[in-house]
N, C-alpha and C. Protein backbone atom coordinates (compact mmCIF):
# COMPACT_ATOMS: atom_id res chain seq x y z
N MET A 1 -14.55 -23.39 11.96
CA MET A 1 -13.12 -23.32 12.07
C MET A 1 -12.77 -22.12 12.95
N SER A 2 -12.01 -22.35 13.98
CA SER A 2 -11.60 -21.32 14.92
C SER A 2 -10.36 -20.59 14.40
N LYS A 3 -10.39 -19.26 14.50
CA LYS A 3 -9.24 -18.46 14.06
C LYS A 3 -8.38 -18.13 15.27
N GLU A 4 -7.08 -18.11 15.04
CA GLU A 4 -6.13 -17.78 16.10
C GLU A 4 -5.16 -16.73 15.60
N PHE A 5 -4.60 -15.95 16.52
CA PHE A 5 -3.55 -15.02 16.16
C PHE A 5 -2.31 -15.84 15.80
N THR A 6 -1.72 -15.54 14.64
CA THR A 6 -0.59 -16.34 14.18
C THR A 6 0.75 -15.83 14.64
N HIS A 7 0.81 -14.59 15.13
CA HIS A 7 2.09 -14.00 15.51
C HIS A 7 2.31 -13.98 17.02
N ILE A 8 1.57 -14.83 17.74
CA ILE A 8 1.74 -14.94 19.18
C ILE A 8 1.97 -16.41 19.53
N ASP A 9 3.04 -16.68 20.26
CA ASP A 9 3.36 -18.03 20.69
C ASP A 9 3.66 -17.97 22.18
N GLN A 10 2.79 -18.56 22.98
CA GLN A 10 2.93 -18.55 24.44
C GLN A 10 3.13 -17.14 24.97
N ASN A 11 2.23 -16.25 24.53
CA ASN A 11 2.17 -14.85 24.99
C ASN A 11 3.38 -14.01 24.63
N LYS A 12 4.16 -14.40 23.63
CA LYS A 12 5.25 -13.54 23.16
C LYS A 12 5.18 -13.44 21.64
N PRO A 13 5.61 -12.31 21.10
CA PRO A 13 5.57 -12.16 19.64
C PRO A 13 6.53 -13.14 18.98
N THR A 14 6.11 -13.63 17.81
CA THR A 14 6.97 -14.55 17.06
C THR A 14 6.72 -14.39 15.57
N MET A 15 7.73 -14.66 14.80
CA MET A 15 7.57 -14.68 13.35
C MET A 15 7.05 -16.06 12.96
N VAL A 16 5.99 -16.08 12.17
CA VAL A 16 5.38 -17.35 11.78
C VAL A 16 6.36 -18.16 10.94
N ASP A 17 6.47 -19.46 11.24
CA ASP A 17 7.32 -20.36 10.47
C ASP A 17 6.55 -20.79 9.23
N VAL A 18 7.01 -20.36 8.06
CA VAL A 18 6.35 -20.71 6.81
C VAL A 18 7.14 -21.78 6.04
N GLY A 19 8.14 -22.36 6.70
CA GLY A 19 9.03 -23.32 6.05
C GLY A 19 8.35 -24.50 5.41
N ASP A 20 7.24 -24.98 5.98
CA ASP A 20 6.57 -26.15 5.43
C ASP A 20 5.44 -25.81 4.45
N LYS A 21 5.19 -24.53 4.24
CA LYS A 21 4.11 -24.13 3.34
C LYS A 21 4.56 -24.29 1.88
N ALA A 22 3.60 -24.53 1.02
CA ALA A 22 3.88 -24.65 -0.42
C ALA A 22 4.09 -23.28 -1.03
N GLU A 23 5.00 -23.20 -1.97
CA GLU A 23 5.19 -21.96 -2.71
C GLU A 23 4.10 -21.86 -3.77
N THR A 24 3.45 -20.71 -3.81
CA THR A 24 2.41 -20.46 -4.81
C THR A 24 2.54 -19.02 -5.29
N LYS A 25 1.90 -18.75 -6.42
CA LYS A 25 1.83 -17.37 -6.91
C LYS A 25 0.87 -16.62 -6.00
N ARG A 26 1.32 -15.49 -5.49
CA ARG A 26 0.51 -14.72 -4.55
C ARG A 26 0.43 -13.27 -5.01
N THR A 27 -0.76 -12.73 -4.94
CA THR A 27 -0.97 -11.34 -5.31
C THR A 27 -1.82 -10.66 -4.25
N ALA A 28 -1.67 -9.36 -4.15
CA ALA A 28 -2.53 -8.57 -3.27
C ALA A 28 -2.69 -7.19 -3.87
N ILE A 29 -3.89 -6.64 -3.72
CA ILE A 29 -4.17 -5.28 -4.17
C ILE A 29 -4.74 -4.52 -2.98
N ALA A 30 -4.15 -3.37 -2.69
CA ALA A 30 -4.61 -2.51 -1.60
C ALA A 30 -4.87 -1.11 -2.15
N GLN A 31 -5.62 -0.36 -1.39
CA GLN A 31 -6.00 0.98 -1.83
C GLN A 31 -6.00 1.96 -0.67
N SER A 32 -5.56 3.18 -0.95
CA SER A 32 -5.69 4.30 -0.02
C SER A 32 -6.37 5.44 -0.76
N ILE A 33 -7.15 6.21 -0.04
CA ILE A 33 -7.79 7.40 -0.59
C ILE A 33 -7.21 8.61 0.12
N VAL A 34 -6.86 9.64 -0.65
CA VAL A 34 -6.41 10.90 -0.08
C VAL A 34 -7.41 11.97 -0.51
N GLN A 35 -7.98 12.66 0.47
CA GLN A 35 -8.90 13.76 0.18
C GLN A 35 -8.13 15.06 0.24
N LEU A 36 -8.07 15.74 -0.90
CA LEU A 36 -7.39 17.03 -0.97
C LEU A 36 -8.39 18.15 -0.70
N PRO A 37 -7.94 19.25 -0.12
CA PRO A 37 -8.83 20.39 0.12
C PRO A 37 -9.03 21.22 -1.15
N GLU A 38 -10.05 22.04 -1.17
CA GLU A 38 -10.40 22.87 -2.33
C GLU A 38 -9.23 23.71 -2.82
N GLU A 39 -8.41 24.25 -1.91
CA GLU A 39 -7.32 25.14 -2.34
C GLU A 39 -6.28 24.42 -3.20
N MET A 40 -6.31 23.09 -3.23
CA MET A 40 -5.37 22.34 -4.08
C MET A 40 -5.79 22.38 -5.55
N LYS A 41 -7.04 22.68 -5.82
CA LYS A 41 -7.55 22.67 -7.20
C LYS A 41 -6.71 23.55 -8.12
N ALA A 42 -6.23 24.68 -7.62
CA ALA A 42 -5.44 25.61 -8.43
C ALA A 42 -4.08 25.04 -8.83
N HIS A 43 -3.63 23.97 -8.19
CA HIS A 43 -2.31 23.40 -8.45
C HIS A 43 -2.36 22.13 -9.29
N ILE A 44 -3.55 21.78 -9.77
CA ILE A 44 -3.72 20.56 -10.55
C ILE A 44 -3.81 20.91 -12.03
N ALA A 45 -2.99 20.24 -12.82
CA ALA A 45 -3.04 20.42 -14.27
C ALA A 45 -2.78 19.08 -14.94
N GLU A 46 -3.62 18.72 -15.89
CA GLU A 46 -3.48 17.49 -16.65
C GLU A 46 -3.37 16.25 -15.76
N GLY A 47 -4.18 16.21 -14.70
CA GLY A 47 -4.22 15.05 -13.83
C GLY A 47 -3.03 14.89 -12.91
N GLU A 48 -2.23 15.93 -12.73
CA GLU A 48 -1.04 15.87 -11.88
C GLU A 48 -0.95 17.15 -11.06
N ILE A 49 -0.27 17.07 -9.94
CA ILE A 49 0.00 18.23 -9.09
C ILE A 49 1.48 18.52 -9.22
N LYS A 50 1.79 19.73 -9.65
CA LYS A 50 3.19 20.11 -9.81
C LYS A 50 3.59 21.00 -8.65
N THR A 51 4.70 20.64 -7.99
CA THR A 51 5.20 21.42 -6.86
C THR A 51 6.69 21.69 -7.08
N LEU A 52 7.25 22.51 -6.20
CA LEU A 52 8.70 22.76 -6.27
C LEU A 52 9.48 21.48 -6.02
N LYS A 53 8.88 20.51 -5.33
CA LYS A 53 9.54 19.22 -5.08
C LYS A 53 9.45 18.30 -6.30
N GLY A 54 8.59 18.65 -7.26
CA GLY A 54 8.42 17.82 -8.45
C GLY A 54 6.98 17.39 -8.62
N PRO A 55 6.71 16.50 -9.59
CA PRO A 55 5.35 16.01 -9.82
C PRO A 55 4.93 15.06 -8.69
N VAL A 56 3.83 15.41 -8.03
CA VAL A 56 3.41 14.70 -6.82
C VAL A 56 3.09 13.23 -7.09
N PHE A 57 2.25 12.95 -8.06
CA PHE A 57 1.80 11.58 -8.26
C PHE A 57 2.94 10.69 -8.75
N GLN A 58 3.79 11.21 -9.62
CA GLN A 58 4.92 10.43 -10.11
C GLN A 58 5.88 10.09 -8.96
N THR A 59 6.11 11.06 -8.10
CA THR A 59 6.98 10.82 -6.94
C THR A 59 6.34 9.82 -5.98
N ALA A 60 5.02 9.93 -5.79
CA ALA A 60 4.31 9.01 -4.89
C ALA A 60 4.36 7.57 -5.42
N ILE A 61 4.34 7.40 -6.73
CA ILE A 61 4.46 6.06 -7.31
C ILE A 61 5.80 5.44 -6.93
N ILE A 62 6.87 6.20 -7.09
CA ILE A 62 8.20 5.67 -6.74
C ILE A 62 8.27 5.38 -5.24
N ALA A 63 7.75 6.28 -4.42
CA ALA A 63 7.79 6.08 -2.97
C ALA A 63 6.99 4.84 -2.57
N GLY A 64 5.83 4.63 -3.19
CA GLY A 64 5.01 3.47 -2.88
C GLY A 64 5.70 2.16 -3.22
N ILE A 65 6.38 2.14 -4.35
CA ILE A 65 7.15 0.94 -4.73
C ILE A 65 8.25 0.69 -3.71
N GLN A 66 8.98 1.75 -3.35
CA GLN A 66 10.04 1.62 -2.34
C GLN A 66 9.46 1.13 -1.00
N GLY A 67 8.32 1.67 -0.62
CA GLY A 67 7.68 1.26 0.64
C GLY A 67 7.33 -0.22 0.64
N ALA A 68 6.74 -0.69 -0.47
CA ALA A 68 6.38 -2.11 -0.57
C ALA A 68 7.62 -2.99 -0.45
N LYS A 69 8.71 -2.57 -1.09
CA LYS A 69 9.95 -3.35 -1.07
C LYS A 69 10.57 -3.39 0.33
N ARG A 70 10.25 -2.42 1.17
CA ARG A 70 10.87 -2.34 2.50
C ARG A 70 9.91 -2.71 3.63
N THR A 71 8.83 -3.36 3.30
CA THR A 71 7.81 -3.69 4.30
C THR A 71 8.38 -4.45 5.49
N SER A 72 9.23 -5.43 5.25
CA SER A 72 9.76 -6.24 6.35
C SER A 72 10.65 -5.41 7.29
N GLU A 73 11.15 -4.28 6.82
CA GLU A 73 11.93 -3.40 7.69
C GLU A 73 11.03 -2.52 8.54
N LEU A 74 9.79 -2.35 8.12
CA LEU A 74 8.86 -1.46 8.82
C LEU A 74 7.90 -2.21 9.74
N ILE A 75 7.46 -3.37 9.33
CA ILE A 75 6.50 -4.18 10.10
C ILE A 75 7.29 -5.33 10.71
N PRO A 76 7.45 -5.34 12.03
CA PRO A 76 8.43 -6.22 12.68
C PRO A 76 8.35 -7.72 12.37
N LEU A 77 7.17 -8.28 12.21
CA LEU A 77 7.08 -9.73 12.06
C LEU A 77 6.81 -10.19 10.63
N CYS A 78 6.94 -9.27 9.67
CA CYS A 78 6.77 -9.64 8.26
C CYS A 78 8.01 -10.34 7.73
N HIS A 79 7.78 -11.29 6.86
CA HIS A 79 8.88 -11.95 6.18
C HIS A 79 9.41 -11.05 5.07
N ASN A 80 10.68 -11.15 4.78
CA ASN A 80 11.28 -10.43 3.68
C ASN A 80 10.97 -11.22 2.40
N LEU A 81 10.21 -10.63 1.49
CA LEU A 81 9.74 -11.37 0.32
C LEU A 81 10.44 -10.92 -0.96
N PRO A 82 10.70 -11.87 -1.85
CA PRO A 82 11.22 -11.51 -3.16
C PRO A 82 10.06 -11.07 -4.06
N LEU A 83 9.79 -9.80 -4.09
CA LEU A 83 8.67 -9.30 -4.88
C LEU A 83 8.99 -9.39 -6.37
N SER A 84 8.06 -9.93 -7.13
CA SER A 84 8.26 -10.01 -8.58
C SER A 84 7.67 -8.80 -9.28
N LYS A 85 6.73 -8.12 -8.60
CA LYS A 85 6.12 -6.93 -9.19
C LYS A 85 5.47 -6.09 -8.10
N VAL A 86 5.63 -4.78 -8.23
CA VAL A 86 4.88 -3.82 -7.44
C VAL A 86 4.44 -2.74 -8.41
N GLU A 87 3.14 -2.50 -8.48
CA GLU A 87 2.61 -1.48 -9.38
C GLU A 87 1.70 -0.54 -8.60
N ILE A 88 1.96 0.74 -8.73
CA ILE A 88 1.15 1.76 -8.08
C ILE A 88 0.40 2.52 -9.16
N ASP A 89 -0.90 2.67 -8.98
CA ASP A 89 -1.72 3.44 -9.90
C ASP A 89 -2.38 4.55 -9.10
N ILE A 90 -2.32 5.79 -9.60
CA ILE A 90 -2.91 6.93 -8.91
C ILE A 90 -3.87 7.62 -9.85
N LYS A 91 -5.13 7.81 -9.38
CA LYS A 91 -6.16 8.48 -10.17
C LYS A 91 -6.72 9.65 -9.36
N LEU A 92 -6.89 10.76 -10.04
CA LEU A 92 -7.56 11.90 -9.44
C LEU A 92 -9.04 11.78 -9.78
N LEU A 93 -9.85 11.58 -8.76
CA LEU A 93 -11.29 11.41 -8.96
C LEU A 93 -12.01 12.74 -8.74
N GLU A 94 -13.32 12.71 -8.89
CA GLU A 94 -14.13 13.90 -8.61
C GLU A 94 -13.94 14.34 -7.18
N ASN A 95 -14.22 15.61 -6.92
CA ASN A 95 -14.17 16.19 -5.58
C ASN A 95 -12.78 16.11 -4.95
N LEU A 96 -11.74 16.13 -5.78
CA LEU A 96 -10.35 16.14 -5.31
C LEU A 96 -9.99 14.93 -4.46
N ARG A 97 -10.59 13.81 -4.78
CA ARG A 97 -10.22 12.55 -4.12
C ARG A 97 -9.16 11.86 -4.97
N VAL A 98 -8.10 11.45 -4.33
CA VAL A 98 -7.00 10.76 -5.00
C VAL A 98 -7.09 9.28 -4.61
N GLU A 99 -7.23 8.41 -5.60
CA GLU A 99 -7.31 6.96 -5.38
C GLU A 99 -5.95 6.35 -5.70
N ILE A 100 -5.35 5.73 -4.71
CA ILE A 100 -4.05 5.08 -4.86
C ILE A 100 -4.25 3.58 -4.73
N THR A 101 -3.83 2.85 -5.75
CA THR A 101 -3.95 1.40 -5.73
C THR A 101 -2.55 0.81 -5.87
N CYS A 102 -2.25 -0.17 -5.03
CA CYS A 102 -0.96 -0.86 -5.08
C CYS A 102 -1.20 -2.35 -5.27
N GLU A 103 -0.59 -2.91 -6.30
CA GLU A 103 -0.62 -4.36 -6.51
C GLU A 103 0.78 -4.91 -6.29
N ALA A 104 0.87 -5.93 -5.46
CA ALA A 104 2.15 -6.60 -5.18
C ALA A 104 2.02 -8.07 -5.56
N ARG A 105 3.11 -8.62 -6.10
CA ARG A 105 3.13 -10.04 -6.50
C ARG A 105 4.42 -10.70 -6.05
N THR A 106 4.31 -11.98 -5.73
CA THR A 106 5.48 -12.80 -5.43
C THR A 106 5.13 -14.24 -5.74
N PHE A 107 6.13 -15.07 -5.75
CA PHE A 107 5.96 -16.52 -5.78
C PHE A 107 6.65 -17.01 -4.52
N GLY A 108 5.87 -17.43 -3.55
CA GLY A 108 6.49 -17.78 -2.28
C GLY A 108 5.56 -18.49 -1.34
N LYS A 109 5.96 -18.51 -0.06
CA LYS A 109 5.28 -19.27 0.98
C LYS A 109 4.36 -18.44 1.85
N THR A 110 4.35 -17.12 1.63
CA THR A 110 3.48 -16.25 2.43
C THR A 110 2.98 -15.12 1.55
N GLY A 111 1.86 -14.55 1.97
CA GLY A 111 1.18 -13.57 1.14
C GLY A 111 1.83 -12.20 1.11
N VAL A 112 1.34 -11.36 0.21
CA VAL A 112 1.90 -10.02 0.00
C VAL A 112 0.91 -8.92 0.37
N GLU A 113 -0.04 -9.23 1.26
CA GLU A 113 -1.00 -8.21 1.67
C GLU A 113 -0.33 -7.02 2.32
N MET A 114 0.62 -7.29 3.22
CA MET A 114 1.26 -6.19 3.93
C MET A 114 2.09 -5.32 2.98
N GLU A 115 2.68 -5.93 1.97
CA GLU A 115 3.46 -5.16 1.00
C GLU A 115 2.54 -4.24 0.19
N ALA A 116 1.38 -4.76 -0.22
CA ALA A 116 0.42 -3.93 -0.96
C ALA A 116 -0.12 -2.80 -0.08
N LEU A 117 -0.46 -3.11 1.16
CA LEU A 117 -0.96 -2.09 2.08
C LEU A 117 0.11 -1.04 2.38
N THR A 118 1.34 -1.47 2.55
CA THR A 118 2.43 -0.53 2.83
C THR A 118 2.68 0.35 1.61
N GLY A 119 2.69 -0.23 0.43
CA GLY A 119 2.90 0.54 -0.79
C GLY A 119 1.84 1.63 -0.97
N ALA A 120 0.58 1.27 -0.77
CA ALA A 120 -0.51 2.25 -0.89
C ALA A 120 -0.38 3.33 0.18
N SER A 121 -0.04 2.92 1.39
CA SER A 121 0.10 3.87 2.50
C SER A 121 1.24 4.84 2.30
N VAL A 122 2.39 4.34 1.87
CA VAL A 122 3.56 5.21 1.66
C VAL A 122 3.29 6.17 0.50
N ALA A 123 2.63 5.71 -0.53
CA ALA A 123 2.27 6.61 -1.64
C ALA A 123 1.34 7.71 -1.12
N ALA A 124 0.36 7.36 -0.30
CA ALA A 124 -0.56 8.36 0.27
C ALA A 124 0.19 9.35 1.16
N LEU A 125 1.10 8.86 1.97
CA LEU A 125 1.89 9.75 2.83
C LEU A 125 2.76 10.69 1.99
N THR A 126 3.23 10.22 0.86
CA THR A 126 4.05 11.06 -0.03
C THR A 126 3.21 12.17 -0.65
N VAL A 127 1.97 11.85 -1.05
CA VAL A 127 1.07 12.89 -1.55
C VAL A 127 0.88 13.95 -0.46
N TYR A 128 0.64 13.51 0.76
CA TYR A 128 0.48 14.45 1.88
C TYR A 128 1.74 15.31 2.04
N ASP A 129 2.88 14.68 2.09
CA ASP A 129 4.14 15.40 2.31
C ASP A 129 4.39 16.45 1.24
N MET A 130 4.14 16.08 0.01
CA MET A 130 4.44 17.00 -1.09
C MET A 130 3.42 18.13 -1.22
N CYS A 131 2.23 17.94 -0.66
CA CYS A 131 1.18 18.96 -0.76
C CYS A 131 1.00 19.78 0.51
N LYS A 132 1.62 19.40 1.59
CA LYS A 132 1.37 20.07 2.88
C LYS A 132 1.76 21.54 2.89
N ALA A 133 2.65 21.97 2.00
CA ALA A 133 3.01 23.39 1.94
C ALA A 133 1.81 24.23 1.48
N PHE A 134 0.91 23.63 0.69
CA PHE A 134 -0.27 24.34 0.22
C PHE A 134 -1.39 24.30 1.25
N SER A 135 -1.50 23.19 1.97
CA SER A 135 -2.57 23.03 2.95
C SER A 135 -2.27 21.83 3.84
N GLN A 136 -2.60 21.98 5.11
CA GLN A 136 -2.48 20.84 6.01
C GLN A 136 -3.84 20.18 6.23
N ASP A 137 -4.82 20.64 5.47
CA ASP A 137 -6.17 20.08 5.56
C ASP A 137 -6.33 18.95 4.54
N ILE A 138 -5.37 18.04 4.56
CA ILE A 138 -5.36 16.87 3.68
C ILE A 138 -5.67 15.66 4.55
N GLU A 139 -6.52 14.79 4.06
CA GLU A 139 -6.92 13.64 4.88
C GLU A 139 -6.63 12.33 4.14
N ILE A 140 -5.88 11.45 4.78
CA ILE A 140 -5.66 10.10 4.24
C ILE A 140 -6.78 9.23 4.80
N GLN A 141 -7.52 8.60 3.91
CA GLN A 141 -8.71 7.85 4.31
C GLN A 141 -8.66 6.40 3.84
N ASN A 142 -9.28 5.56 4.58
CA ASN A 142 -9.71 4.24 4.10
C ASN A 142 -8.63 3.44 3.38
N THR A 143 -7.54 3.15 4.05
CA THR A 143 -6.56 2.22 3.48
C THR A 143 -7.07 0.81 3.76
N ARG A 144 -7.17 0.01 2.69
CA ARG A 144 -7.76 -1.32 2.87
C ARG A 144 -7.26 -2.30 1.82
N LEU A 145 -7.38 -3.57 2.15
CA LEU A 145 -7.08 -4.64 1.21
C LEU A 145 -8.30 -4.80 0.30
N ILE A 146 -8.05 -4.82 -1.00
CA ILE A 146 -9.12 -4.98 -1.99
C ILE A 146 -9.23 -6.44 -2.44
N LYS A 147 -8.06 -7.07 -2.62
CA LYS A 147 -8.06 -8.44 -3.15
C LYS A 147 -6.76 -9.14 -2.80
N LYS A 148 -6.83 -10.45 -2.61
CA LYS A 148 -5.63 -11.27 -2.47
C LYS A 148 -5.90 -12.63 -3.08
N THR A 149 -4.85 -13.20 -3.68
CA THR A 149 -4.95 -14.54 -4.24
C THR A 149 -3.71 -15.33 -3.84
N GLY A 150 -3.86 -16.64 -3.83
CA GLY A 150 -2.76 -17.54 -3.47
C GLY A 150 -2.83 -17.92 -2.02
N GLY A 151 -2.13 -18.96 -1.67
CA GLY A 151 -2.16 -19.44 -0.29
C GLY A 151 -3.41 -20.23 0.01
N LYS A 152 -3.80 -20.23 1.31
CA LYS A 152 -4.94 -21.04 1.75
C LYS A 152 -6.28 -20.55 1.21
N SER A 153 -6.41 -19.22 1.09
CA SER A 153 -7.70 -18.68 0.68
C SER A 153 -7.52 -17.39 -0.12
N ASP A 154 -8.49 -17.13 -0.96
CA ASP A 154 -8.52 -15.89 -1.72
C ASP A 154 -9.51 -14.94 -1.04
N PHE A 155 -9.36 -13.66 -1.35
CA PHE A 155 -10.22 -12.64 -0.76
C PHE A 155 -10.48 -11.58 -1.81
N SER A 156 -11.71 -11.10 -1.87
CA SER A 156 -12.03 -10.00 -2.76
C SER A 156 -13.09 -9.12 -2.12
N GLN A 157 -12.78 -7.85 -2.03
CA GLN A 157 -13.71 -6.86 -1.50
C GLN A 157 -14.54 -6.38 -2.66
N ALA A 158 -15.83 -6.59 -2.61
CA ALA A 158 -16.71 -6.22 -3.74
C ALA A 158 -16.89 -4.74 -3.84
């Protein structure tokens, strides 16, 4: 089976017509990793980073949800989807690695991969923004799709 770019029609960008597709339950899970520098260790207590701007991870959760909801405003050819759920989970791992996971769900004609990826990315950017006063040696790493279900095919990153 040959794959083709779906957002190009006669050499011009186009929004894919999903009008004839079946509505199905669709989910996607994406992840971003943020590597914090050693100097951040002094600002971590009880699994959270507290700053003058507020609790970093709690704020990043809200920002990630907002980002997922606004994906079609940020990515030009994305459809505006009625999201039924967006959940952001943030874990502080060993070596000051922050794991951000975003799950997005909808019942519709197109997938929610971009919403999950945007949610994870915006949450990671928020962690960076809120911590940059302590150090600019923060690295956002490895934003990727972990899993998707619904539509023509499912995907799972082992």
